[in-house]
Structure formats: structure tokens, C-alpha cells
Amino acid sequence: MPLSQTGSSSHTYIRVTYRCHRIKRGLTRTQISKSYVMTDVS
């Protein structure tokens, strides 16, 4: 991230944090579905 964008750094931080939360939520959802399928198979 260029240092010249320090003015909108807070907005970028919020966007990155939001994206990280979405990725984490997606990962946990994938892990839950994976374990569910695994227990279903066995």
C-alpha cells in the first residue's frame, strides 16, 4: 500500500478487516461442512 494513501488508510483498514472477517466466516463454514460430510461418510 503506497504511503501517499495514508488519508484513506482507515477506510482501507476497515475494508481489509471486513474481508478478513468474511474469509474467516467462509473458512469455518467450509470446515463445518467438511467435518459434517466426513462424519456422514464414516
PDB file of N, CA and C in Angstrom:
ATOM      1  N   MET A   1       0.852  -1.202   0.000  1.00  0.00           N
ATOM      2  CA  MET A   1       0.000   0.000   0.000  1.00  0.00           C
ATOM      3  C   MET A   1       0.884   1.247   0.000  1.00  0.00           C
ATOM      4  N   PRO A   2       0.722   2.122  -0.973  1.00  0.00           N
ATOM      5  CA  PRO A   2       1.556   3.338  -1.039  1.00  0.00           C
ATOM      6  C   PRO A   2       1.350   4.242   0.175  1.00  0.00           C
ATOM      7  N   LEU A   3       2.441   4.887   0.580  1.00  0.00           N
ATOM      8  CA  LEU A   3       2.360   5.773   1.737  1.00  0.00           C
ATOM      9  C   LEU A   3       1.549   7.021   1.428  1.00  0.00           C
ATOM     10  N   SER A   4       1.337   7.339   0.160  1.00  0.00           N
ATOM     11  CA  SER A   4       0.579   8.537  -0.199  1.00  0.00           C
ATOM     12  C   SER A   4      -0.910   8.359   0.075  1.00  0.00           C
ATOM     13  N   GLN A   5      -1.338   7.144   0.367  1.00  0.00           N
ATOM     14  CA  GLN A   5      -2.759   6.891   0.613  1.00  0.00           C
ATOM     15  C   GLN A   5      -3.069   6.821   2.106  1.00  0.00           C
ATOM     16  N   THR A   6      -2.253   7.484   2.935  1.00  0.00           N
ATOM     17  CA  THR A   6      -2.483   7.448   4.375  1.00  0.00           C
ATOM     18  C   THR A   6      -3.798   8.112   4.738  1.00  0.00           C
ATOM     19  N   GLY A   7      -4.300   9.001   3.892  1.00  0.00           N
ATOM     20  CA  GLY A   7      -5.563   9.677   4.168  1.00  0.00           C
ATOM     21  C   GLY A   7      -6.724   8.701   4.172  1.00  0.00           C
ATOM     22  N   SER A   8      -6.700   7.738   3.249  1.00  0.00           N
ATOM     23  CA  SER A   8      -7.792   6.773   3.161  1.00  0.00           C
ATOM     24  C   SER A   8      -7.374   5.437   3.770  1.00  0.00           C
ATOM     25  N   SER A   9      -6.342   5.470   4.643  1.00  0.00           N
ATOM     26  CA  SER A   9      -5.849   4.220   5.217  1.00  0.00           C
ATOM     27  C   SER A   9      -6.884   3.613   6.157  1.00  0.00           C
ATOM     28  N   SER A  10      -7.617   4.467   6.877  1.00  0.00           N
ATOM     29  CA  SER A  10      -8.637   3.953   7.793  1.00  0.00           C
ATOM     30  C   SER A  10      -9.731   3.234   7.013  1.00  0.00           C
ATOM     31  N   HIS A  11     -10.127   3.804   5.875  1.00  0.00           N
ATOM     32  CA  HIS A  11     -11.154   3.172   5.051  1.00  0.00           C
ATOM     33  C   HIS A  11     -10.646   1.835   4.511  1.00  0.00           C
ATOM     34  N   THR A  12      -9.364   1.829   4.068  1.00  0.00           N
ATOM     35  CA  THR A  12      -8.782   0.592   3.559  1.00  0.00           C
ATOM     36  C   THR A  12      -8.703  -0.438   4.675  1.00  0.00           C
ATOM     37  N   TYR A  13      -8.328  -0.005   5.884  1.00  0.00           N
ATOM     38  CA  TYR A  13      -8.230  -0.916   7.025  1.00  0.00           C
ATOM     39  C   TYR A  13      -9.585  -1.546   7.307  1.00  0.00           C
ATOM     40  N   ILE A  14     -10.635  -0.737   7.284  1.00  0.00           N
ATOM     41  CA  ILE A  14     -11.985  -1.260   7.530  1.00  0.00           C
ATOM     42  C   ILE A  14     -12.344  -2.284   6.462  1.00  0.00           C
ATOM     43  N   ARG A  15     -11.997  -1.974   5.194  1.00  0.00           N
ATOM     44  CA  ARG A  15     -12.327  -2.885   4.105  1.00  0.00           C
ATOM     45  C   ARG A  15     -11.557  -4.197   4.251  1.00  0.00           C
ATOM     46  N   VAL A  16     -10.273  -4.116   4.604  1.00  0.00           N
ATOM     47  CA  VAL A  16      -9.457  -5.321   4.770  1.00  0.00           C
ATOM     48  C   VAL A  16      -9.982  -6.154   5.936  1.00  0.00           C
ATOM     49  N   THR A  17     -10.312  -5.478   7.051  1.00  0.00           N
ATOM     50  CA  THR A  17     -10.839  -6.189   8.210  1.00  0.00           C
ATOM     51  C   THR A  17     -12.142  -6.884   7.865  1.00  0.00           C
ATOM     52  N   TYR A  18     -13.005  -6.191   7.127  1.00  0.00           N
ATOM     53  CA  TYR A  18     -14.286  -6.775   6.725  1.00  0.00           C
ATOM     54  C   TYR A  18     -14.052  -8.000   5.852  1.00  0.00           C
ATOM     55  N   ARG A  19     -13.075  -7.884   4.922  1.00  0.00           N
ATOM     56  CA  ARG A  19     -12.775  -9.005   4.042  1.00  0.00           C
ATOM     57  C   ARG A  19     -12.220 -10.182   4.845  1.00  0.00           C
ATOM     58  N   CYS A  20     -11.363  -9.889   5.826  1.00  0.00           N
ATOM     59  CA  CYS A  20     -10.797 -10.958   6.659  1.00  0.00           C
ATOM     60  C   CYS A  20     -11.909 -11.657   7.427  1.00  0.00           C
ATOM     61  N   HIS A  21     -12.851 -10.886   7.960  1.00  0.00           N
ATOM     62  CA  HIS A  21     -13.971 -11.494   8.688  1.00  0.00           C
ATOM     63  C   HIS A  21     -14.777 -12.403   7.770  1.00  0.00           C
ATOM     64  N   ARG A  22     -15.002 -11.953   6.538  1.00  0.00           N
ATOM     65  CA  ARG A  22     -15.773 -12.760   5.589  1.00  0.00           C
ATOM     66  C   ARG A  22     -15.023 -14.039   5.254  1.00  0.00           C
ATOM     67  N   ILE A  23     -13.691 -13.919   5.063  1.00  0.00           N
ATOM     68  CA  ILE A  23     -12.884 -15.104   4.742  1.00  0.00           C
ATOM     69  C   ILE A  23     -12.914 -16.081   5.912  1.00  0.00           C
ATOM     70  N   LYS A  24     -12.759 -15.562   7.128  1.00  0.00           N
ATOM     71  CA  LYS A  24     -12.785 -16.430   8.314  1.00  0.00           C
ATOM     72  C   LYS A  24     -14.120 -17.140   8.414  1.00  0.00           C
ATOM     73  N   ARG A  25     -15.199 -16.404   8.204  1.00  0.00           N
ATOM     74  CA  ARG A  25     -16.529 -16.994   8.283  1.00  0.00           C
ATOM     75  C   ARG A  25     -16.684 -18.083   7.219  1.00  0.00           C
ATOM     76  N   GLY A  26     -16.181 -17.798   6.012  1.00  0.00           N
ATOM     77  CA  GLY A  26     -16.260 -18.776   4.932  1.00  0.00           C
ATOM     78  C   GLY A  26     -15.438 -20.017   5.248  1.00  0.00           C
ATOM     79  N   LEU A  27     -14.256 -19.812   5.864  1.00  0.00           N
ATOM     80  CA  LEU A  27     -13.401 -20.952   6.193  1.00  0.00           C
ATOM     81  C   LEU A  27     -14.063 -21.832   7.238  1.00  0.00           C
ATOM     82  N   THR A  28     -14.620 -21.217   8.275  1.00  0.00           N
ATOM     83  CA  THR A  28     -15.264 -22.004   9.323  1.00  0.00           C
ATOM     84  C   THR A  28     -16.458 -22.749   8.753  1.00  0.00           C
ATOM     85  N   ARG A  29     -17.179 -22.101   7.866  1.00  0.00           N
ATOM     86  CA  ARG A  29     -18.335 -22.743   7.253  1.00  0.00           C
ATOM     87  C   ARG A  29     -17.881 -23.949   6.422  1.00  0.00           C
ATOM     88  N   THR A  30     -16.764 -23.779   5.693  1.00  0.00           N
ATOM     89  CA  THR A  30     -16.235 -24.874   4.880  1.00  0.00           C
ATOM     90  C   THR A  30     -15.771 -26.013   5.775  1.00  0.00           C
ATOM     91  N   GLN A  31     -15.091 -25.688   6.880  1.00  0.00           N
ATOM     92  CA  GLN A  31     -14.608 -26.717   7.793  1.00  0.00           C
ATOM     93  C   GLN A  31     -15.778 -27.472   8.409  1.00  0.00           C
ATOM     94  N   ILE A  32     -16.838 -26.760   8.784  1.00  0.00           N
ATOM     95  CA  ILE A  32     -18.007 -27.402   9.385  1.00  0.00           C
ATOM     96  C   ILE A  32     -18.644 -28.353   8.380  1.00  0.00           C
ATOM     97  N   SER A  33     -18.810 -27.892   7.142  1.00  0.00           N
ATOM     98  CA  SER A  33     -19.421 -28.739   6.130  1.00  0.00           C
ATOM     99  C   SER A  33     -18.521 -29.935   5.829  1.00  0.00           C
ATOM    100  N   LYS A  34     -17.198 -29.731   5.826  1.00  0.00           N
ATOM    101  CA  LYS A  34     -16.266 -30.826   5.571  1.00  0.00           C
ATOM    102  C   LYS A  34     -16.375 -31.886   6.654  1.00  0.00           C
ATOM    103  N   SER A  35     -16.339 -31.458   7.915  1.00  0.00           N
ATOM    104  CA  SER A  35     -16.423 -32.422   9.011  1.00  0.00           C
ATOM    105  C   SER A  35     -17.784 -33.115   8.995  1.00  0.00           C
ATOM    106  N   TYR A  36     -18.828 -32.389   8.614  1.00  0.00           N
ATOM    107  CA  TYR A  36     -20.159 -32.971   8.538  1.00  0.00           C
ATOM    108  C   TYR A  36     -20.186 -34.062   7.471  1.00  0.00           C
ATOM    109  N   VAL A  37     -19.578 -33.779   6.311  1.00  0.00           N
ATOM    110  CA  VAL A  37     -19.525 -34.770   5.222  1.00  0.00           C
ATOM    111  C   VAL A  37     -18.696 -35.977   5.680  1.00  0.00           C
ATOM    112  N   MET A  38     -17.586 -35.719   6.376  1.00  0.00           N
ATOM    113  CA  MET A  38     -16.719 -36.814   6.823  1.00  0.00           C
ATOM    114  C   MET A  38     -17.466 -37.746   7.776  1.00  0.00           C
ATOM    115  N   THR A  39     -18.184 -37.163   8.737  1.00  0.00           N
ATOM    116  CA  THR A  39     -18.925 -37.995   9.684  1.00  0.00           C
ATOM    117  C   THR A  39     -20.064 -38.691   8.958  1.00  0.00           C
ATOM    118  N   ASP A  40     -20.609 -38.058   7.924  1.00  0.00           N
ATOM    119  CA  ASP A  40     -21.679 -38.659   7.154  1.00  0.00           C
ATOM    120  C   ASP A  40     -21.172 -39.884   6.395  1.00  0.00           C
ATOM    121  N   VAL A  41     -19.927 -39.775   5.848  1.00  0.00           N
ATOM    122  CA  VAL A  41     -19.356 -40.877   5.078  1.00  0.00           C
ATOM    123  C   VAL A  41     -19.034 -42.039   5.996  1.00  0.00           C
ATOM    124  N   SER A  42     -18.382 -41.773   7.130  1.00  0.00           N
ATOM    125  CA  SER A  42     -17.967 -42.833   8.048  1.00  0.00           C
ATOM    126  C   SER A  42     -19.150 -43.280   8.897  1.00  0.00           C
TER     127      SER A  42
END
